[in-house]
N, C-alpha and C. Protein backbone atom coordinates (compact mmCIF):
# COMPACT_ATOMS: atom_id res chain seq x y z
N GLY A 1 -20.14 -5.05 -5.34
CA GLY A 1 -20.48 -4.59 -4.23
C GLY A 1 -19.48 -4.28 -2.77
N GLY A 2 -20.10 -4.13 -1.85
CA GLY A 2 -19.45 -4.02 -0.64
C GLY A 2 -18.84 -4.89 0.16
N GLY A 3 -20.16 -6.13 -0.10
CA GLY A 3 -20.10 -7.37 0.68
C GLY A 3 -19.41 -6.93 2.20
N GLY A 4 -19.13 -8.09 2.85
CA GLY A 4 -18.62 -7.99 3.96
C GLY A 4 -19.62 -8.30 4.62
N ARG A 5 -18.92 -8.28 6.35
CA ARG A 5 -19.84 -8.40 7.27
C ARG A 5 -20.43 -7.29 8.19
N ALA A 6 -21.36 -6.36 7.25
CA ALA A 6 -21.83 -5.48 7.92
C ALA A 6 -23.03 -5.59 8.73
N SER A 7 -22.55 -4.77 9.72
CA SER A 7 -23.79 -4.62 10.70
C SER A 7 -24.91 -3.85 11.02
N GLY A 8 -25.10 -3.15 10.23
CA GLY A 8 -26.21 -1.87 10.12
C GLY A 8 -25.91 -0.58 10.52
N GLY A 9 -24.74 -0.50 10.82
CA GLY A 9 -24.76 1.00 11.86
C GLY A 9 -23.73 0.78 13.17
N GLN A 10 -24.34 1.90 13.62
CA GLN A 10 -23.46 1.43 15.19
C GLN A 10 -24.06 0.42 15.96
N SER A 11 -23.16 -0.34 16.54
CA SER A 11 -23.59 -1.66 17.62
C SER A 11 -22.98 -1.41 18.89
N GLY A 12 -23.32 -1.85 20.05
CA GLY A 12 -22.47 -1.98 21.03
C GLY A 12 -21.93 -3.44 21.66
N PRO A 13 -21.58 -3.52 22.72
CA PRO A 13 -21.17 -5.02 23.42
C PRO A 13 -22.35 -5.74 23.23
N PRO A 14 -22.27 -6.92 23.12
CA PRO A 14 -23.25 -8.14 23.24
C PRO A 14 -23.97 -8.13 24.52
N ALA A 15 -25.28 -8.33 24.66
CA ALA A 15 -26.27 -8.05 26.13
C ALA A 15 -25.40 -9.09 26.95
N GLY A 16 -25.26 -8.30 28.30
CA GLY A 16 -24.89 -9.03 28.96
C GLY A 16 -23.27 -9.48 29.18
N GLY A 17 -22.31 -8.64 28.62
CA GLY A 17 -20.80 -8.82 28.69
C GLY A 17 -20.51 -7.41 27.60
N SER A 18 -19.41 -7.97 27.78
CA SER A 18 -17.91 -6.82 27.30
C SER A 18 -18.08 -7.38 25.43
N ARG A 19 -17.22 -6.34 24.63
CA ARG A 19 -16.94 -6.55 23.87
C ARG A 19 -15.82 -7.26 23.49
N PRO A 20 -16.18 -8.58 22.49
CA PRO A 20 -14.79 -9.34 22.78
C PRO A 20 -13.45 -8.91 21.94
N ASP A 21 -12.42 -8.91 22.68
CA ASP A 21 -11.14 -8.42 22.13
C ASP A 21 -10.94 -9.02 20.68
N PRO A 22 -10.66 -8.15 19.65
CA PRO A 22 -10.24 -8.61 18.49
C PRO A 22 -8.82 -9.52 18.43
N GLY A 23 -7.99 -9.27 19.52
CA GLY A 23 -6.67 -10.13 19.15
C GLY A 23 -6.79 -11.28 19.48
N GLN A 24 -7.90 -11.43 20.43
CA GLN A 24 -8.45 -12.86 20.85
C GLN A 24 -8.77 -13.60 19.90
N ILE A 25 -9.97 -12.89 18.98
CA ILE A 25 -10.70 -13.45 18.16
C ILE A 25 -9.50 -13.71 16.77
N ALA A 26 -9.18 -12.73 16.19
CA ALA A 26 -7.80 -13.22 15.52
C ALA A 26 -7.04 -14.40 15.93
N LYS A 27 -6.50 -14.59 16.95
CA LYS A 27 -5.67 -15.79 17.21
C LYS A 27 -6.78 -16.90 16.85
N ARG A 28 -7.68 -16.93 17.24
CA ARG A 28 -8.95 -18.32 16.51
C ARG A 28 -8.73 -18.72 15.14
N VAL A 29 -9.00 -17.19 14.26
CA VAL A 29 -9.14 -17.76 13.08
C VAL A 29 -7.86 -17.78 12.37
N GLN A 30 -6.56 -17.33 13.22
CA GLN A 30 -5.10 -17.67 12.32
C GLN A 30 -5.40 -19.38 12.99
N SER A 31 -5.76 -19.45 13.88
CA SER A 31 -5.28 -20.95 14.17
C SER A 31 -6.16 -22.05 13.32
N GLY A 32 -7.69 -21.31 12.22
CA GLY A 32 -8.14 -22.28 11.12
C GLY A 32 -7.33 -21.97 10.26
N TYR A 33 -6.73 -21.15 9.60
CA TYR A 33 -5.99 -21.07 9.00
C TYR A 33 -4.46 -21.84 8.80
N GLY A 34 -4.51 -22.54 9.87
CA GLY A 34 -3.11 -23.30 10.41
C GLY A 34 -2.03 -23.69 9.18
N SER A 35 -2.58 -24.44 8.29
CA SER A 35 -1.73 -25.36 7.04
C SER A 35 -1.33 -24.32 5.96
N PHE A 36 -3.02 -23.21 6.06
CA PHE A 36 -2.42 -22.39 4.80
C PHE A 36 -1.38 -21.31 5.34
N ARG A 37 -1.41 -20.46 6.76
CA ARG A 37 -0.33 -19.58 6.85
C ARG A 37 1.08 -20.29 7.14
N GLU A 38 1.34 -21.65 7.67
CA GLU A 38 2.37 -22.59 7.09
C GLU A 38 3.09 -22.42 5.86
N SER A 39 2.36 -22.20 5.18
CA SER A 39 2.59 -22.34 3.68
C SER A 39 3.34 -20.59 3.13
N LEU A 40 3.28 -19.89 4.03
CA LEU A 40 3.36 -18.56 3.42
C LEU A 40 4.84 -17.81 3.89
N THR A 41 5.66 -17.09 3.20
CA THR A 41 6.63 -16.73 3.95
C THR A 41 6.39 -15.91 5.42
N ALA A 42 7.22 -15.17 6.34
CA ALA A 42 7.71 -14.61 6.95
C ALA A 42 6.39 -13.34 7.04
N ALA A 43 6.86 -12.35 5.69
CA ALA A 43 6.31 -11.22 5.39
C ALA A 43 5.31 -11.56 5.21
N GLN A 44 4.62 -12.88 4.47
CA GLN A 44 3.46 -12.88 3.88
C GLN A 44 2.02 -12.93 5.34
N ARG A 45 2.66 -14.09 6.14
CA ARG A 45 2.11 -14.15 7.26
C ARG A 45 1.67 -13.37 8.17
N GLU A 46 2.78 -12.34 8.39
CA GLU A 46 2.76 -10.69 9.25
C GLU A 46 1.36 -10.02 8.65
N ALA A 47 1.55 -10.02 6.92
CA ALA A 47 0.60 -9.43 6.43
C ALA A 47 -1.11 -9.88 6.49
N PHE A 48 -1.09 -10.67 6.10
CA PHE A 48 -2.45 -11.92 6.26
C PHE A 48 -2.96 -11.58 7.97
N ASP A 49 -1.86 -11.97 8.88
CA ASP A 49 -2.23 -11.88 10.40
C ASP A 49 -2.73 -10.35 10.68
N SER A 50 -2.14 -8.93 9.74
CA SER A 50 -2.47 -7.80 10.09
C SER A 50 -3.89 -7.47 9.32
N GLY A 51 -4.33 -8.09 8.29
CA GLY A 51 -5.44 -7.88 7.72
C GLY A 51 -6.76 -8.49 8.42
N ILE A 52 -6.07 -9.51 9.16
CA ILE A 52 -7.14 -10.38 9.70
C ILE A 52 -7.46 -9.52 11.19
N VAL A 53 -6.51 -8.91 11.85
CA VAL A 53 -7.12 -8.18 13.13
C VAL A 53 -7.62 -6.86 12.53
N ASP A 54 -6.96 -6.29 11.44
CA ASP A 54 -7.52 -4.90 10.71
C ASP A 54 -9.14 -5.27 10.23
N GLN A 55 -9.76 -6.09 9.93
CA GLN A 55 -10.84 -6.66 9.25
C GLN A 55 -11.75 -6.49 10.37
N LEU A 56 -11.59 -7.39 11.63
CA LEU A 56 -11.94 -7.77 12.58
C LEU A 56 -12.29 -6.65 13.89
N SER A 57 -11.49 -5.27 13.44
CA SER A 57 -11.68 -4.26 14.68
C SER A 57 -12.72 -3.24 13.29
N ALA A 58 -12.66 -3.34 12.33
CA ALA A 58 -13.67 -2.71 11.33
C ALA A 58 -14.88 -1.90 12.07
N ARG A 59 -15.41 -1.11 12.00
CA ARG A 59 -16.55 -0.80 12.44
C ARG A 59 -17.33 -0.56 10.61
N TRP A 60 -18.58 -1.01 10.96
CA TRP A 60 -19.19 -0.90 9.67
C TRP A 60 -20.36 0.11 9.96
N ALA A 61 -20.72 0.78 8.73
CA ALA A 61 -22.13 1.78 8.95
C ALA A 61 -22.78 1.84 7.79
N THR A 62 -23.96 2.41 8.02
CA THR A 62 -25.27 2.44 6.53
C THR A 62 -24.58 3.94 6.07
N LEU A 63 -24.34 3.99 4.91
CA LEU A 63 -24.30 5.30 4.06
C LEU A 63 -25.64 5.58 3.43
N TRP A 64 -26.34 6.58 3.26
CA TRP A 64 -27.73 6.80 2.87
C TRP A 64 -26.96 7.03 1.14
N LEU A 65 -27.28 6.80 -0.40
CA LEU A 65 -26.79 7.48 -1.44
C LEU A 65 -28.38 8.39 -1.88
N ALA A 66 -28.18 9.55 -2.14
CA ALA A 66 -29.39 10.07 -3.11
C ALA A 66 -29.75 9.66 -4.08
N GLY A 67 -30.96 8.70 -4.04
CA GLY A 67 -31.08 8.08 -5.44
C GLY A 67 -32.53 8.75 -6.13
N GLU A 68 -32.87 8.38 -7.18
CA GLU A 68 -33.91 9.02 -8.20
C GLU A 68 -35.13 9.49 -7.63
N GLU A 69 -35.17 8.29 -6.92
CA GLU A 69 -36.86 8.32 -6.16
C GLU A 69 -36.94 8.42 -4.72
N GLN A 70 -35.89 7.88 -4.09
CA GLN A 70 -35.70 7.79 -2.42
C GLN A 70 -34.35 6.95 -2.22
N PRO A 71 -33.50 7.93 -0.74
CA PRO A 71 -32.65 7.29 -0.67
C PRO A 71 -32.16 5.94 -0.42
N ARG A 72 -31.22 5.19 -1.05
CA ARG A 72 -30.69 3.79 -0.83
C ARG A 72 -30.07 4.09 -0.02
N ALA A 73 -29.82 2.65 0.85
CA ALA A 73 -28.77 2.29 1.81
C ALA A 73 -27.31 1.20 1.40
N MET A 74 -26.24 1.85 1.74
CA MET A 74 -24.70 1.24 1.24
C MET A 74 -24.00 0.94 2.55
N GLN A 75 -23.53 -0.13 2.58
CA GLN A 75 -23.06 -0.73 4.03
C GLN A 75 -21.32 -0.30 3.35
N VAL A 76 -20.59 0.53 4.69
CA VAL A 76 -19.30 1.08 4.12
C VAL A 76 -18.47 0.84 5.23
N ARG A 77 -17.21 0.66 5.23
CA ARG A 77 -16.27 0.46 6.30
C ARG A 77 -16.27 1.70 6.93
N VAL A 78 -15.82 2.05 8.26
CA VAL A 78 -15.63 4.01 8.74
C VAL A 78 -13.97 3.84 8.99
N GLY A 79 -13.79 5.05 8.84
CA GLY A 79 -12.19 4.43 8.94
C GLY A 79 -11.81 5.98 10.14
N ILE A 80 -10.90 6.74 9.72
CA ILE A 80 -10.73 7.17 10.62
C ILE A 80 -11.72 8.90 10.30
N SER A 81 -11.70 9.34 11.85
CA SER A 81 -12.47 10.75 11.60
C SER A 81 -11.84 11.68 12.48
N ASP A 82 -12.11 12.79 12.05
CA ASP A 82 -11.76 14.01 12.99
C ASP A 82 -12.85 15.15 13.43
N ALA A 83 -13.99 14.94 13.33
CA ALA A 83 -15.31 15.12 13.59
C ALA A 83 -15.84 16.19 12.55
N THR A 84 -15.35 16.24 11.77
CA THR A 84 -15.65 16.95 10.47
C THR A 84 -15.30 15.95 9.55
N HIS A 85 -14.68 15.45 9.14
CA HIS A 85 -14.40 14.48 7.82
C HIS A 85 -14.44 13.15 8.27
N THR A 86 -15.02 11.98 8.04
CA THR A 86 -14.68 11.15 8.16
C THR A 86 -14.44 10.14 7.42
N GLU A 87 -13.33 8.89 7.39
CA GLU A 87 -13.01 8.38 6.08
C GLU A 87 -14.06 7.51 5.40
N VAL A 88 -14.38 6.86 4.89
CA VAL A 88 -15.38 5.87 4.24
C VAL A 88 -14.64 4.62 3.21
N ILE A 89 -15.19 3.70 3.28
CA ILE A 89 -14.29 2.36 2.49
C ILE A 89 -15.21 1.36 1.86
N GLY A 90 -15.13 1.32 0.58
CA GLY A 90 -16.04 0.18 0.36
C GLY A 90 -16.79 0.25 -0.58
N GLY A 91 -18.04 -0.54 -0.56
CA GLY A 91 -19.22 -0.17 -1.56
C GLY A 91 -19.00 0.08 -2.98
N GLU A 92 -20.07 1.26 -3.04
CA GLU A 92 -20.09 1.35 -4.63
C GLU A 92 -19.67 2.81 -4.34
N LEU A 93 -18.46 3.11 -3.64
CA LEU A 93 -18.29 4.70 -3.73
C LEU A 93 -17.43 4.99 -4.61
N ALA A 94 -17.48 6.49 -5.48
CA ALA A 94 -16.75 6.83 -6.51
C ALA A 94 -16.89 8.20 -6.24
N ASP A 95 -15.85 9.14 -6.84
CA ASP A 95 -15.84 10.68 -6.87
C ASP A 95 -17.23 10.95 -7.28
N GLY A 96 -17.62 12.07 -6.52
CA GLY A 96 -18.96 12.73 -7.08
C GLY A 96 -20.24 12.22 -7.15
N LEU A 97 -20.50 11.03 -5.86
CA LEU A 97 -21.49 10.09 -5.50
C LEU A 97 -22.35 11.01 -4.30
N ALA A 98 -23.44 11.39 -4.70
CA ALA A 98 -24.52 12.24 -4.02
C ALA A 98 -24.90 11.24 -2.87
N VAL A 99 -24.82 11.74 -1.53
CA VAL A 99 -24.92 11.11 -0.53
C VAL A 99 -25.78 12.05 0.38
N VAL A 100 -26.73 11.51 1.33
CA VAL A 100 -27.67 12.10 2.68
C VAL A 100 -26.51 12.65 3.31
N THR A 101 -26.56 13.52 3.66
CA THR A 101 -25.84 14.22 4.94
C THR A 101 -26.79 14.46 6.12
N GLY A 102 -28.28 15.09 5.68
CA GLY A 102 -28.99 15.56 6.55
C GLY A 102 -30.43 15.45 6.14
N ILE A 103 -31.34 15.75 7.06
CA ILE A 103 -32.72 15.79 6.58
C ILE A 103 -33.23 17.54 6.74
N ASP A 104 -33.83 17.97 5.82
CA ASP A 104 -34.52 19.14 5.94
C ASP A 104 -35.92 18.91 6.92
N ARG A 105 -36.06 19.17 7.65
CA ARG A 105 -37.38 18.91 8.31
C ARG A 105 -38.24 20.49 7.63
N SER A 106 -37.54 21.27 7.59
CA SER A 106 -38.16 22.51 6.99
C SER A 106 -39.42 22.70 6.21
N SER A 107 -39.61 21.83 5.21
CA SER A 107 -40.37 21.80 4.28
C SER A 107 -41.71 20.21 4.35
N GLY A 108 -42.84 20.55 4.35
CA GLY A 108 -43.81 19.47 3.91
C GLY A 108 -44.09 18.69 4.90
């Protein structure tokens, strides 16, 4: 599955404060991998560090799949968006997958 640190939708800053800076958190994470990072080449270390920042700044959302009985939730990473199209990454995504895009309240 998609795994990861899905938060289950929109999230705001923690209560009583502002959202932590992903760059500051990344430095703390990198320090925890000190000996591993030292074993990498400069290019590998740069890619590793970039990946940490990407993961820390990723937004997670719930995508609802149209199921046979009822919709099923799947956590995905949200990418770029232009207000019409939004990139989603991860989970069990595949071409042709039926997803819920709205609710028809006119029936029933």
